[in-house]
Amino acid sequence: MQIHFILLLAFALMIAAFALQNTMIVAVNFLLWQTNTSLVIVILVSMAAGAIMVFSADLTNKHNLKKERKELRQQLAELTKTKEELQKAFDESKKAETMEKTPAADEPVDKITIAQNNNHD
């Protein structure tokens, strides 16, 4: 970010030096409008118009990125919620599956059933 600012400042200084060295009066024609003015004014007005165009394009881009980031955060929240719901359902199904394999407390358990349960673990 700092290098960008330094380059921008250097460019502005070069334009200012160029403008100050070219102080002659020039004729400016724009559509039906015509005037004589200093070349410095023409250069500085042109530079300001270009800066405004770049600024507005950058502002539009930042707005679009902010909007996209908001949409992506909403998607992330929805997907996180879905993941948690699926994880909960998976955990409940695993718990139910474990309950089915485990004999009830009032059922008689023989040595073969215990050995089978230990082999599956």
PDB file of N, CA and C in Angstrom:
ATOM      1  N   MET A   1       0.825  -1.187   0.000  1.00  0.00           N
ATOM      2  CA  MET A   1       0.000   0.000   0.000  1.00  0.00           C
ATOM      3  C   MET A   1       0.869   1.249   0.000  1.00  0.00           C
ATOM      4  N   GLN A   2       1.951   1.243   0.757  1.00  0.00           N
ATOM      5  CA  GLN A   2       2.820   2.422   0.810  1.00  0.00           C
ATOM      6  C   GLN A   2       3.511   2.650  -0.526  1.00  0.00           C
ATOM      7  N   ILE A   3       3.941   1.580  -1.191  1.00  0.00           N
ATOM      8  CA  ILE A   3       4.621   1.741  -2.478  1.00  0.00           C
ATOM      9  C   ILE A   3       3.655   2.351  -3.495  1.00  0.00           C
ATOM     10  N   HIS A   4       2.384   1.961  -3.404  1.00  0.00           N
ATOM     11  CA  HIS A   4       1.373   2.520  -4.295  1.00  0.00           C
ATOM     12  C   HIS A   4       1.237   4.031  -4.060  1.00  0.00           C
ATOM     13  N   PHE A   5       1.195   4.428  -2.807  1.00  0.00           N
ATOM     14  CA  PHE A   5       1.082   5.843  -2.468  1.00  0.00           C
ATOM     15  C   PHE A   5       2.309   6.623  -2.939  1.00  0.00           C
ATOM     16  N   ILE A   6       3.493   6.056  -2.757  1.00  0.00           N
ATOM     17  CA  ILE A   6       4.740   6.717  -3.171  1.00  0.00           C
ATOM     18  C   ILE A   6       4.773   6.899  -4.689  1.00  0.00           C
ATOM     19  N   LEU A   7       4.388   5.869  -5.424  1.00  0.00           N
ATOM     20  CA  LEU A   7       4.348   5.970  -6.890  1.00  0.00           C
ATOM     21  C   LEU A   7       3.327   7.007  -7.344  1.00  0.00           C
ATOM     22  N   LEU A   8       2.188   7.042  -6.685  1.00  0.00           N
ATOM     23  CA  LEU A   8       1.160   8.018  -7.024  1.00  0.00           C
ATOM     24  C   LEU A   8       1.657   9.441  -6.757  1.00  0.00           C
ATOM     25  N   LEU A   9       2.319   9.636  -5.649  1.00  0.00           N
ATOM     26  CA  LEU A   9       2.858  10.941  -5.306  1.00  0.00           C
ATOM     27  C   LEU A   9       3.932  11.371  -6.304  1.00  0.00           C
ATOM     28  N   ALA A  10       4.815  10.449  -6.690  1.00  0.00           N
ATOM     29  CA  ALA A  10       5.861  10.761  -7.668  1.00  0.00           C
ATOM     30  C   ALA A  10       5.246  11.149  -9.011  1.00  0.00           C
ATOM     31  N   PHE A  11       4.203  10.423  -9.424  1.00  0.00           N
ATOM     32  CA  PHE A  11       3.525  10.727 -10.682  1.00  0.00           C
ATOM     33  C   PHE A  11       2.884  12.119 -10.628  1.00  0.00           C
ATOM     34  N   ALA A  12       2.246  12.438  -9.509  1.00  0.00           N
ATOM     35  CA  ALA A  12       1.617  13.750  -9.362  1.00  0.00           C
ATOM     36  C   ALA A  12       2.660  14.865  -9.401  1.00  0.00           C
ATOM     37  N   LEU A  13       3.807  14.645  -8.773  1.00  0.00           N
ATOM     38  CA  LEU A  13       4.877  15.651  -8.800  1.00  0.00           C
ATOM     39  C   LEU A  13       5.421  15.850 -10.210  1.00  0.00           C
ATOM     40  N   MET A  14       5.558  14.783 -10.985  1.00  0.00           N
ATOM     41  CA  MET A  14       6.023  14.901 -12.368  1.00  0.00           C
ATOM     42  C   MET A  14       5.020  15.695 -13.203  1.00  0.00           C
ATOM     43  N   ILE A  15       3.742  15.450 -13.004  1.00  0.00           N
ATOM     44  CA  ILE A  15       2.719  16.198 -13.747  1.00  0.00           C
ATOM     45  C   ILE A  15       2.749  17.669 -13.354  1.00  0.00           C
ATOM     46  N   ALA A  16       2.894  17.925 -12.054  1.00  0.00           N
ATOM     47  CA  ALA A  16       2.954  19.325 -11.600  1.00  0.00           C
ATOM     48  C   ALA A  16       4.172  20.025 -12.190  1.00  0.00           C
ATOM     49  N   ALA A  17       5.332  19.369 -12.224  1.00  0.00           N
ATOM     50  CA  ALA A  17       6.539  19.974 -12.802  1.00  0.00           C
ATOM     51  C   ALA A  17       6.336  20.239 -14.292  1.00  0.00           C
ATOM     52  N   PHE A  18       5.729  19.280 -14.991  1.00  0.00           N
ATOM     53  CA  PHE A  18       5.460  19.458 -16.422  1.00  0.00           C
ATOM     54  C   PHE A  18       4.521  20.647 -16.645  1.00  0.00           C
ATOM     55  N   ALA A  19       3.494  20.721 -15.800  1.00  0.00           N
ATOM     56  CA  ALA A  19       2.519  21.808 -15.961  1.00  0.00           C
ATOM     57  C   ALA A  19       3.158  23.169 -15.705  1.00  0.00           C
ATOM     58  N   LEU A  20       4.005  23.270 -14.690  1.00  0.00           N
ATOM     59  CA  LEU A  20       4.638  24.560 -14.373  1.00  0.00           C
ATOM     60  C   LEU A  20       5.637  25.000 -15.443  1.00  0.00           C
ATOM     61  N   GLN A  21       6.192  24.061 -16.185  1.00  0.00           N
ATOM     62  CA  GLN A  21       7.133  24.406 -17.252  1.00  0.00           C
ATOM     63  C   GLN A  21       6.408  24.774 -18.543  1.00  0.00           C
ATOM     64  N   ASN A  22       5.119  24.511 -18.625  1.00  0.00           N
ATOM     65  CA  ASN A  22       4.343  24.785 -19.832  1.00  0.00           C
ATOM     66  C   ASN A  22       3.213  25.758 -19.486  1.00  0.00           C
ATOM     67  N   THR A  23       3.592  26.997 -19.291  1.00  0.00           N
ATOM     68  CA  THR A  23       2.622  28.003 -18.840  1.00  0.00           C
ATOM     69  C   THR A  23       2.026  28.825 -19.973  1.00  0.00           C
ATOM     70  N   MET A  24       2.279  28.461 -21.196  1.00  0.00           N
ATOM     71  CA  MET A  24       1.779  29.263 -22.325  1.00  0.00           C
ATOM     72  C   MET A  24       0.260  29.198 -22.423  1.00  0.00           C
ATOM     73  N   ILE A  25      -0.306  30.154 -23.089  1.00  0.00           N
ATOM     74  CA  ILE A  25      -1.753  30.224 -23.305  1.00  0.00           C
ATOM     75  C   ILE A  25      -2.089  29.386 -24.534  1.00  0.00           C
ATOM     76  N   VAL A  26      -3.116  28.533 -24.402  1.00  0.00           N
ATOM     77  CA  VAL A  26      -3.541  27.670 -25.511  1.00  0.00           C
ATOM     78  C   VAL A  26      -5.036  27.837 -25.739  1.00  0.00           C
ATOM     79  N   ALA A  27      -5.438  27.523 -26.963  1.00  0.00           N
ATOM     80  CA  ALA A  27      -6.866  27.547 -27.297  1.00  0.00           C
ATOM     81  C   ALA A  27      -7.446  26.169 -27.000  1.00  0.00           C
ATOM     82  N   VAL A  28      -8.541  26.135 -26.272  1.00  0.00           N
ATOM     83  CA  VAL A  28      -9.197  24.874 -25.921  1.00  0.00           C
ATOM     84  C   VAL A  28     -10.564  24.866 -26.592  1.00  0.00           C
ATOM     85  N   ASN A  29     -10.816  23.837 -27.380  1.00  0.00           N
ATOM     86  CA  ASN A  29     -12.101  23.669 -28.056  1.00  0.00           C
ATOM     87  C   ASN A  29     -12.767  22.409 -27.519  1.00  0.00           C
ATOM     88  N   PHE A  30     -14.002  22.552 -27.080  1.00  0.00           N
ATOM     89  CA  PHE A  30     -14.759  21.399 -26.589  1.00  0.00           C
ATOM     90  C   PHE A  30     -16.199  21.557 -27.053  1.00  0.00           C
ATOM     91  N   LEU A  31     -16.625  20.667 -27.934  1.00  0.00           N
ATOM     92  CA  LEU A  31     -17.936  20.720 -28.577  1.00  0.00           C
ATOM     93  C   LEU A  31     -18.146  22.118 -29.181  1.00  0.00           C
ATOM     94  N   LEU A  32     -19.076  22.897 -28.681  1.00  0.00           N
ATOM     95  CA  LEU A  32     -19.318  24.237 -29.228  1.00  0.00           C
ATOM     96  C   LEU A  32     -18.632  25.320 -28.424  1.00  0.00           C
ATOM     97  N   TRP A  33     -17.918  24.929 -27.409  1.00  0.00           N
ATOM     98  CA  TRP A  33     -17.297  25.865 -26.471  1.00  0.00           C
ATOM     99  C   TRP A  33     -15.837  26.076 -26.853  1.00  0.00           C
ATOM    100  N   GLN A  34     -15.356  27.308 -26.817  1.00  0.00           N
ATOM    101  CA  GLN A  34     -13.961  27.621 -27.147  1.00  0.00           C
ATOM    102  C   GLN A  34     -13.462  28.701 -26.187  1.00  0.00           C
ATOM    103  N   THR A  35     -12.227  28.497 -25.696  1.00  0.00           N
ATOM    104  CA  THR A  35     -11.634  29.487 -24.797  1.00  0.00           C
ATOM    105  C   THR A  35     -10.120  29.441 -24.912  1.00  0.00           C
ATOM    106  N   ASN A  36      -9.492  30.484 -24.483  1.00  0.00           N
ATOM    107  CA  ASN A  36      -8.037  30.538 -24.369  1.00  0.00           C
ATOM    108  C   ASN A  36      -7.700  30.502 -22.884  1.00  0.00           C
ATOM    109  N   THR A  37      -6.848  29.582 -22.515  1.00  0.00           N
ATOM    110  CA  THR A  37      -6.463  29.446 -21.112  1.00  0.00           C
ATOM    111  C   THR A  37      -5.032  28.930 -21.012  1.00  0.00           C
ATOM    112  N   SER A  38      -4.506  28.971 -19.829  1.00  0.00           N
ATOM    113  CA  SER A  38      -3.145  28.506 -19.597  1.00  0.00           C
ATOM    114  C   SER A  38      -3.080  26.985 -19.752  1.00  0.00           C
ATOM    115  N   LEU A  39      -1.981  26.509 -20.306  1.00  0.00           N
ATOM    116  CA  LEU A  39      -1.770  25.068 -20.471  1.00  0.00           C
ATOM    117  C   LEU A  39      -1.745  24.376 -19.109  1.00  0.00           C
ATOM    118  N   VAL A  40      -1.275  25.069 -18.075  1.00  0.00           N
ATOM    119  CA  VAL A  40      -1.257  24.502 -16.719  1.00  0.00           C
ATOM    120  C   VAL A  40      -2.674  24.119 -16.296  1.00  0.00           C
ATOM    121  N   ILE A  41      -3.617  25.000 -16.552  1.00  0.00           N
ATOM    122  CA  ILE A  41      -5.011  24.742 -16.179  1.00  0.00           C
ATOM    123  C   ILE A  41      -5.547  23.540 -16.937  1.00  0.00           C
ATOM    124  N   VAL A  42      -5.253  23.461 -18.226  1.00  0.00           N
ATOM    125  CA  VAL A  42      -5.719  22.340 -19.045  1.00  0.00           C
ATOM    126  C   VAL A  42      -5.161  21.032 -18.499  1.00  0.00           C
ATOM    127  N   ILE A  43      -3.877  21.023 -18.188  1.00  0.00           N
ATOM    128  CA  ILE A  43      -3.236  19.802 -17.678  1.00  0.00           C
ATOM    129  C   ILE A  43      -3.821  19.409 -16.324  1.00  0.00           C
ATOM    130  N   LEU A  44      -3.944  20.350 -15.404  1.00  0.00           N
ATOM    131  CA  LEU A  44      -4.446  20.035 -14.069  1.00  0.00           C
ATOM    132  C   LEU A  44      -5.912  19.610 -14.084  1.00  0.00           C
ATOM    133  N   VAL A  45      -6.731  20.257 -14.922  1.00  0.00           N
ATOM    134  CA  VAL A  45      -8.136  19.855 -15.031  1.00  0.00           C
ATOM    135  C   VAL A  45      -8.239  18.450 -15.625  1.00  0.00           C
ATOM    136  N   SER A  46      -7.428  18.160 -16.627  1.00  0.00           N
ATOM    137  CA  SER A  46      -7.429  16.822 -17.225  1.00  0.00           C
ATOM    138  C   SER A  46      -7.002  15.768 -16.210  1.00  0.00           C
ATOM    139  N   MET A  47      -5.976  16.095 -15.426  1.00  0.00           N
ATOM    140  CA  MET A  47      -5.504  15.167 -14.403  1.00  0.00           C
ATOM    141  C   MET A  47      -6.588  14.939 -13.348  1.00  0.00           C
ATOM    142  N   ALA A  48      -7.257  15.995 -12.926  1.00  0.00           N
ATOM    143  CA  ALA A  48      -8.316  15.860 -11.920  1.00  0.00           C
ATOM    144  C   ALA A  48      -9.481  15.027 -12.464  1.00  0.00           C
ATOM    145  N   ALA A  49      -9.843  15.244 -13.727  1.00  0.00           N
ATOM    146  CA  ALA A  49     -10.927  14.460 -14.329  1.00  0.00           C
ATOM    147  C   ALA A  49     -10.556  12.977 -14.382  1.00  0.00           C
ATOM    148  N   GLY A  50      -9.333  12.679 -14.737  1.00  0.00           N
ATOM    149  CA  GLY A  50      -8.874  11.291 -14.756  1.00  0.00           C
ATOM    150  C   GLY A  50      -8.889  10.669 -13.367  1.00  0.00           C
ATOM    151  N   ALA A  51      -8.459  11.449 -12.362  1.00  0.00           N
ATOM    152  CA  ALA A  51      -8.460  10.943 -10.992  1.00  0.00           C
ATOM    153  C   ALA A  51      -9.875  10.655 -10.515  1.00  0.00           C
ATOM    154  N   ILE A  52     -10.817  11.521 -10.881  1.00  0.00           N
ATOM    155  CA  ILE A  52     -12.215  11.303 -10.492  1.00  0.00           C
ATOM    156  C   ILE A  52     -12.760  10.033 -11.134  1.00  0.00           C
ATOM    157  N   MET A  53     -12.429   9.806 -12.408  1.00  0.00           N
ATOM    158  CA  MET A  53     -12.892   8.590 -13.086  1.00  0.00           C
ATOM    159  C   MET A  53     -12.313   7.331 -12.444  1.00  0.00           C
ATOM    160  N   VAL A  54     -11.033   7.365 -12.121  1.00  0.00           N
ATOM    161  CA  VAL A  54     -10.397   6.209 -11.477  1.00  0.00           C
ATOM    162  C   VAL A  54     -11.007   5.975 -10.096  1.00  0.00           C
ATOM    163  N   PHE A  55     -11.208   7.052  -9.340  1.00  0.00           N
ATOM    164  CA  PHE A  55     -11.797   6.942  -8.007  1.00  0.00           C
ATOM    165  C   PHE A  55     -13.195   6.336  -8.071  1.00  0.00           C
ATOM    166  N   SER A  56     -14.008   6.802  -9.021  1.00  0.00           N
ATOM    167  CA  SER A  56     -15.377   6.274  -9.114  1.00  0.00           C
ATOM    168  C   SER A  56     -15.381   4.804  -9.542  1.00  0.00           C
ATOM    169  N   ALA A  57     -14.471   4.429 -10.435  1.00  0.00           N
ATOM    170  CA  ALA A  57     -14.374   3.016 -10.832  1.00  0.00           C
ATOM    171  C   ALA A  57     -13.945   2.166  -9.649  1.00  0.00           C
ATOM    172  N   ASP A  58     -12.992   2.647  -8.853  1.00  0.00           N
ATOM    173  CA  ASP A  58     -12.529   1.918  -7.675  1.00  0.00           C
ATOM    174  C   ASP A  58     -13.634   1.805  -6.638  1.00  0.00           C
ATOM    175  N   LEU A  59     -14.394   2.868  -6.465  1.00  0.00           N
ATOM    176  CA  LEU A  59     -15.495   2.859  -5.509  1.00  0.00           C
ATOM    177  C   LEU A  59     -16.548   1.829  -5.908  1.00  0.00           C
ATOM    178  N   THR A  60     -16.858   1.759  -7.196  1.00  0.00           N
ATOM    179  CA  THR A  60     -17.817   0.769  -7.696  1.00  0.00           C
ATOM    180  C   THR A  60     -17.302  -0.642  -7.449  1.00  0.00           C
ATOM    181  N   ASN A  61     -16.021  -0.858  -7.712  1.00  0.00           N
ATOM    182  CA  ASN A  61     -15.422  -2.171  -7.500  1.00  0.00           C
ATOM    183  C   ASN A  61     -15.478  -2.562  -6.023  1.00  0.00           C
ATOM    184  N   LYS A  62     -15.170  -1.635  -5.140  1.00  0.00           N
ATOM    185  CA  LYS A  62     -15.220  -1.922  -3.702  1.00  0.00           C
ATOM    186  C   LYS A  62     -16.641  -2.253  -3.261  1.00  0.00           C
ATOM    187  N   HIS A  63     -17.616  -1.538  -3.806  1.00  0.00           N
ATOM    188  CA  HIS A  63     -19.019  -1.809  -3.472  1.00  0.00           C
ATOM    189  C   HIS A  63     -19.404  -3.225  -3.894  1.00  0.00           C
ATOM    190  N   ASN A  64     -19.011  -3.614  -5.107  1.00  0.00           N
ATOM    191  CA  ASN A  64     -19.329  -4.958  -5.599  1.00  0.00           C
ATOM    192  C   ASN A  64     -18.653  -6.030  -4.747  1.00  0.00           C
ATOM    193  N   LEU A  65     -17.411  -5.802  -4.353  1.00  0.00           N
ATOM    194  CA  LEU A  65     -16.706  -6.766  -3.512  1.00  0.00           C
ATOM    195  C   LEU A  65     -17.361  -6.881  -2.135  1.00  0.00           C
ATOM    196  N   LYS A  66     -17.811  -5.763  -1.586  1.00  0.00           N
ATOM    197  CA  LYS A  66     -18.480  -5.780  -0.285  1.00  0.00           C
ATOM    198  C   LYS A  66     -19.783  -6.582  -0.368  1.00  0.00           C
ATOM    199  N   LYS A  67     -20.519  -6.376  -1.441  1.00  0.00           N
ATOM    200  CA  LYS A  67     -21.771  -7.105  -1.652  1.00  0.00           C
ATOM    201  C   LYS A  67     -21.504  -8.608  -1.789  1.00  0.00           C
ATOM    202  N   GLU A  68     -20.479  -8.955  -2.564  1.00  0.00           N
ATOM    203  CA  GLU A  68     -20.131 -10.365  -2.755  1.00  0.00           C
ATOM    204  C   GLU A  68     -19.680 -11.000  -1.436  1.00  0.00           C
ATOM    205  N   ARG A  69     -18.892 -10.265  -0.650  1.00  0.00           N
ATOM    206  CA  ARG A  69     -18.426 -10.782   0.637  1.00  0.00           C
ATOM    207  C   ARG A  69     -19.610 -11.046   1.570  1.00  0.00           C
ATOM    208  N   LYS A  70     -20.597 -10.155   1.562  1.00  0.00           N
ATOM    209  CA  LYS A  70     -21.788 -10.335   2.393  1.00  0.00           C
ATOM    210  C   LYS A  70     -22.547 -11.595   1.981  1.00  0.00           C
ATOM    211  N   GLU A  71     -22.704 -11.794   0.673  1.00  0.00           N
ATOM    212  CA  GLU A  71     -23.394 -12.995   0.177  1.00  0.00           C
ATOM    213  C   GLU A  71     -22.628 -14.258   0.554  1.00  0.00           C
ATOM    214  N   LEU A  72     -21.305 -14.216   0.461  1.00  0.00           N
ATOM    215  CA  LEU A  72     -20.499 -15.386   0.811  1.00  0.00           C
ATOM    216  C   LEU A  72     -20.569 -15.687   2.304  1.00  0.00           C
ATOM    217  N   ARG A  73     -20.626 -14.663   3.131  1.00  0.00           N
ATOM    218  CA  ARG A  73     -20.775 -14.888   4.575  1.00  0.00           C
ATOM    219  C   ARG A  73     -22.121 -15.529   4.888  1.00  0.00           C
ATOM    220  N   GLN A  74     -23.172 -15.102   4.184  1.00  0.00           N
ATOM    221  CA  GLN A  74     -24.484 -15.717   4.385  1.00  0.00           C
ATOM    222  C   GLN A  74     -24.459 -17.183   3.965  1.00  0.00           C
ATOM    223  N   GLN A  75     -23.819 -17.477   2.836  1.00  0.00           N
ATOM    224  CA  GLN A  75     -23.691 -18.860   2.385  1.00  0.00           C
ATOM    225  C   GLN A  75     -22.926 -19.685   3.397  1.00  0.00           C
ATOM    226  N   LEU A  76     -21.845 -19.124   3.925  1.00  0.00           N
ATOM    227  CA  LEU A  76     -21.045 -19.832   4.923  1.00  0.00           C
ATOM    228  C   LEU A  76     -21.872 -20.138   6.162  1.00  0.00           C
ATOM    229  N   ALA A  77     -22.678 -19.187   6.621  1.00  0.00           N
ATOM    230  CA  ALA A  77     -23.524 -19.410   7.791  1.00  0.00           C
ATOM    231  C   ALA A  77     -24.534 -20.529   7.523  1.00  0.00           C
ATOM    232  N   GLU A  78     -25.148 -20.506   6.338  1.00  0.00           N
ATOM    233  CA  GLU A  78     -26.106 -21.547   5.985  1.00  0.00           C
ATOM    234  C   GLU A  78     -25.442 -22.919   5.906  1.00  0.00           C
ATOM    235  N   LEU A  79     -24.276 -22.984   5.287  1.00  0.00           N
ATOM    236  CA  LEU A  79     -23.575 -24.260   5.164  1.00  0.00           C
ATOM    237  C   LEU A  79     -23.093 -24.769   6.521  1.00  0.00           C
ATOM    238  N   THR A  80     -22.678 -23.873   7.388  1.00  0.00           N
ATOM    239  CA  THR A  80     -22.258 -24.265   8.731  1.00  0.00           C
ATOM    240  C   THR A  80     -23.438 -24.838   9.503  1.00  0.00           C
ATOM    241  N   LYS A  81     -24.597 -24.200   9.374  1.00  0.00           N
ATOM    242  CA  LYS A  81     -25.799 -24.694  10.045  1.00  0.00           C
ATOM    243  C   LYS A  81     -26.170 -26.078   9.507  1.00  0.00           C
ATOM    244  N   THR A  82     -26.129 -26.244   8.192  1.00  0.00           N
ATOM    245  CA  THR A  82     -26.441 -27.538   7.581  1.00  0.00           C
ATOM    246  C   THR A  82     -25.463 -28.604   8.050  1.00  0.00           C
ATOM    247  N   LYS A  83     -24.190 -28.257   8.120  1.00  0.00           N
ATOM    248  CA  LYS A  83     -23.170 -29.204   8.575  1.00  0.00           C
ATOM    249  C   LYS A  83     -23.439 -29.645  10.012  1.00  0.00           C
ATOM    250  N   GLU A  84     -23.781 -28.688  10.867  1.00  0.00           N
ATOM    251  CA  GLU A  84     -24.068 -29.023  12.267  1.00  0.00           C
ATOM    252  C   GLU A  84     -25.296 -29.923  12.379  1.00  0.00           C
ATOM    253  N   GLU A  85     -26.328 -29.648  11.571  1.00  0.00           N
ATOM    254  CA  GLU A  85     -27.522 -30.484  11.578  1.00  0.00           C
ATOM    255  C   GLU A  85     -27.197 -31.901  11.106  1.00  0.00           C
ATOM    256  N   LEU A  86     -26.405 -32.008  10.056  1.00  0.00           N
ATOM    257  CA  LEU A  86     -26.020 -33.327   9.548  1.00  0.00           C
ATOM    258  C   LEU A  86     -25.148 -34.077  10.550  1.00  0.00           C
ATOM    259  N   GLN A  87     -24.248 -33.347  11.208  1.00  0.00           N
ATOM    260  CA  GLN A  87     -23.391 -33.982  12.209  1.00  0.00           C
ATOM    261  C   GLN A  87     -24.233 -34.492  13.375  1.00  0.00           C
ATOM    262  N   LYS A  88     -25.231 -33.717  13.782  1.00  0.00           N
ATOM    263  CA  LYS A  88     -26.108 -34.132  14.872  1.00  0.00           C
ATOM    264  C   LYS A  88     -26.899 -35.377  14.480  1.00  0.00           C
ATOM    265  N   ALA A  89     -27.437 -35.381  13.252  1.00  0.00           N
ATOM    266  CA  ALA A  89     -28.190 -36.543  12.776  1.00  0.00           C
ATOM    267  C   ALA A  89     -27.288 -37.769  12.680  1.00  0.00           C
ATOM    268  N   PHE A  90     -26.063 -37.573  12.231  1.00  0.00           N
ATOM    269  CA  PHE A  90     -25.112 -38.688  12.131  1.00  0.00           C
ATOM    270  C   PHE A  90     -24.791 -39.245  13.520  1.00  0.00           C
ATOM    271  N   ASP A  91     -24.540 -38.353  14.473  1.00  0.00           N
ATOM    272  CA  ASP A  91     -24.230 -38.789  15.836  1.00  0.00           C
ATOM    273  C   ASP A  91     -25.410 -39.546  16.444  1.00  0.00           C
ATOM    274  N   GLU A  92     -26.631 -39.067  16.204  1.00  0.00           N
ATOM    275  CA  GLU A  92     -27.815 -39.750  16.724  1.00  0.00           C
ATOM    276  C   GLU A  92     -27.985 -41.123  16.089  1.00  0.00           C
ATOM    277  N   SER A  93     -27.708 -41.232  14.795  1.00  0.00           N
ATOM    278  CA  SER A  93     -27.836 -42.540  14.133  1.00  0.00           C
ATOM    279  C   SER A  93     -26.779 -43.510  14.635  1.00  0.00           C
ATOM    280  N   LYS A  94     -25.560 -43.006  14.899  1.00  0.00           N
ATOM    281  CA  LYS A  94     -24.507 -43.867  15.461  1.00  0.00           C
ATOM    282  C   LYS A  94     -24.897 -44.328  16.867  1.00  0.00           C
ATOM    283  N   LYS A  95     -25.496 -43.409  17.645  1.00  0.00           N
ATOM    284  CA  LYS A  95     -25.921 -43.744  19.002  1.00  0.00           C
ATOM    285  C   LYS A  95     -27.022 -44.794  18.961  1.00  0.00           C
ATOM    286  N   ALA A  96     -27.985 -44.633  18.036  1.00  0.00           N
ATOM    287  CA  ALA A  96     -29.073 -45.597  17.898  1.00  0.00           C
ATOM    288  C   ALA A  96     -28.524 -46.949  17.453  1.00  0.00           C
ATOM    289  N   GLU A  97     -27.545 -46.932  16.576  1.00  0.00           N
ATOM    290  CA  GLU A  97     -26.928 -48.169  16.096  1.00  0.00           C
ATOM    291  C   GLU A  97     -26.216 -48.881  17.241  1.00  0.00           C
ATOM    292  N   THR A  98     -25.560 -48.147  18.092  1.00  0.00           N
ATOM    293  CA  THR A  98     -24.864 -48.716  19.246  1.00  0.00           C
ATOM    294  C   THR A  98     -25.871 -49.298  20.228  1.00  0.00           C
ATOM    295  N   MET A  99     -27.001 -48.607  20.402  1.00  0.00           N
ATOM    296  CA  MET A  99     -28.036 -49.086  21.321  1.00  0.00           C
ATOM    297  C   MET A  99     -28.626 -50.401  20.830  1.00  0.00           C
ATOM    298  N   GLU A 100     -28.751 -50.561  19.515  1.00  0.00           N
ATOM    299  CA  GLU A 100     -29.302 -51.794  18.962  1.00  0.00           C
ATOM    300  C   GLU A 100     -28.359 -52.967  19.203  1.00  0.00           C
ATOM    301  N   LYS A 101     -27.060 -52.737  19.157  1.00  0.00           N
ATOM    302  CA  LYS A 101     -26.080 -53.804  19.352  1.00  0.00           C
ATOM    303  C   LYS A 101     -25.941 -54.198  20.821  1.00  0.00           C
ATOM    304  N   THR A 102     -26.192 -53.255  21.727  1.00  0.00           N
ATOM    305  CA  THR A 102     -26.029 -53.510  23.154  1.00  0.00           C
ATOM    306  C   THR A 102     -27.271 -54.211  23.679  1.00  0.00           C
ATOM    307  N   PRO A 103     -27.106 -55.362  24.389  1.00  0.00           N
ATOM    308  CA  PRO A 103     -28.282 -56.066  24.912  1.00  0.00           C
ATOM    309  C   PRO A 103     -28.927 -55.259  26.051  1.00  0.00           C
ATOM    310  N   ALA A 104     -30.224 -55.420  26.192  1.00  0.00           N
ATOM    311  CA  ALA A 104     -30.962 -54.737  27.254  1.00  0.00           C
ATOM    312  C   ALA A 104     -30.529 -55.299  28.602  1.00  0.00           C
ATOM    313  N   ALA A 105     -30.776 -54.552  29.674  1.00  0.00           N
ATOM    314  CA  ALA A 105     -30.334 -54.959  31.010  1.00  0.00           C
ATOM    315  C   ALA A 105     -31.064 -56.205  31.496  1.00  0.00           C
ATOM    316  N   ASP A 106     -32.304 -56.415  31.059  1.00  0.00           N
ATOM    317  CA  ASP A 106     -33.057 -57.572  31.536  1.00  0.00           C
ATOM    318  C   ASP A 106     -32.852 -58.807  30.665  1.00  0.00           C
ATOM    319  N   GLU A 107     -32.119 -58.700  29.545  1.00  0.00           N
ATOM    320  CA  GLU A 107     -31.850 -59.857  28.697  1.00  0.00           C
ATOM    321  C   GLU A 107     -30.691 -60.653  29.271  1.00  0.00           C
ATOM    322  N   PRO A 108     -30.780 -61.955  29.201  1.00  0.00           N
ATOM    323  CA  PRO A 108     -29.636 -62.758  29.652  1.00  0.00           C
ATOM    324  C   PRO A 108     -28.501 -62.642  28.636  1.00  0.00           C
ATOM    325  N   VAL A 109     -27.308 -62.476  29.132  1.00  0.00           N
ATOM    326  CA  VAL A 109     -26.142 -62.343  28.272  1.00  0.00           C
ATOM    327  C   VAL A 109     -25.287 -63.576  28.462  1.00  0.00           C
ATOM    328  N   ASP A 110     -24.997 -64.255  27.376  1.00  0.00           N
ATOM    329  CA  ASP A 110     -24.114 -65.413  27.503  1.00  0.00           C
ATOM    330  C   ASP A 110     -22.705 -65.043  27.056  1.00  0.00           C
ATOM    331  N   LYS A 111     -21.786 -65.920  27.238  1.00  0.00           N
ATOM    332  CA  LYS A 111     -20.385 -65.652  26.948  1.00  0.00           C
ATOM    333  C   LYS A 111     -20.149 -65.440  25.447  1.00  0.00           C
ATOM    334  N   ILE A 112     -20.918 -66.072  24.603  1.00  0.00           N
ATOM    335  CA  ILE A 112     -20.747 -65.942  23.160  1.00  0.00           C
ATOM    336  C   ILE A 112     -21.108 -64.514  22.720  1.00  0.00           C
ATOM    337  N   THR A 113     -22.176 -63.949  23.240  1.00  0.00           N
ATOM    338  CA  THR A 113     -22.592 -62.585  22.889  1.00  0.00           C
ATOM    339  C   THR A 113     -21.537 -61.579  23.314  1.00  0.00           C
ATOM    340  N   ILE A 114     -20.990 -61.749  24.514  1.00  0.00           N
ATOM    341  CA  ILE A 114     -19.948 -60.841  25.003  1.00  0.00           C
ATOM    342  C   ILE A 114     -18.713 -60.934  24.110  1.00  0.00           C
ATOM    343  N   ALA A 115     -18.333 -62.127  23.727  1.00  0.00           N
ATOM    344  CA  ALA A 115     -17.163 -62.322  22.868  1.00  0.00           C
ATOM    345  C   ALA A 115     -17.400 -61.698  21.500  1.00  0.00           C
ATOM    346  N   GLN A 116     -18.605 -61.819  20.952  1.00  0.00           N
ATOM    347  CA  GLN A 116     -18.905 -61.213  19.657  1.00  0.00           C
ATOM    348  C   GLN A 116     -18.837 -59.692  19.723  1.00  0.00           C
ATOM    349  N   ASN A 117     -19.366 -59.123  20.793  1.00  0.00           N
ATOM    350  CA  ASN A 117     -19.324 -57.670  20.955  1.00  0.00           C
ATOM    351  C   ASN A 117     -17.899 -57.168  21.116  1.00  0.00           C
ATOM    352  N   ASN A 118     -17.059 -57.915  21.815  1.00  0.00           N
ATOM    353  CA  ASN A 118     -15.664 -57.519  21.989  1.00  0.00           C
ATOM    354  C   ASN A 118     -14.873 -57.626  20.703  1.00  0.00           C
ATOM    355  N   ASN A 119     -15.208 -58.581  19.851  1.00  0.00           N
ATOM    356  CA  ASN A 119     -14.510 -58.741  18.566  1.00  0.00           C
ATOM    357  C   ASN A 119     -14.844 -57.623  17.600  1.00  0.00           C
ATOM    358  N   HIS A 120     -16.047 -57.060  17.684  1.00  0.00           N
ATOM    359  CA  HIS A 120     -16.436 -55.973  16.784  1.00  0.00           C
ATOM    360  C   HIS A 120     -15.787 -54.671  17.158  1.00  0.00           C
ATOM    361  N   ASP A 121     -15.399 -54.468  18.392  1.00  0.00           N
ATOM    362  CA  ASP A 121     -14.783 -53.229  18.843  1.00  0.00           C
ATOM    363  C   ASP A 121     -13.356 -53.238  18.408  1.00  0.00           C
TER     364      ASP A 121
END
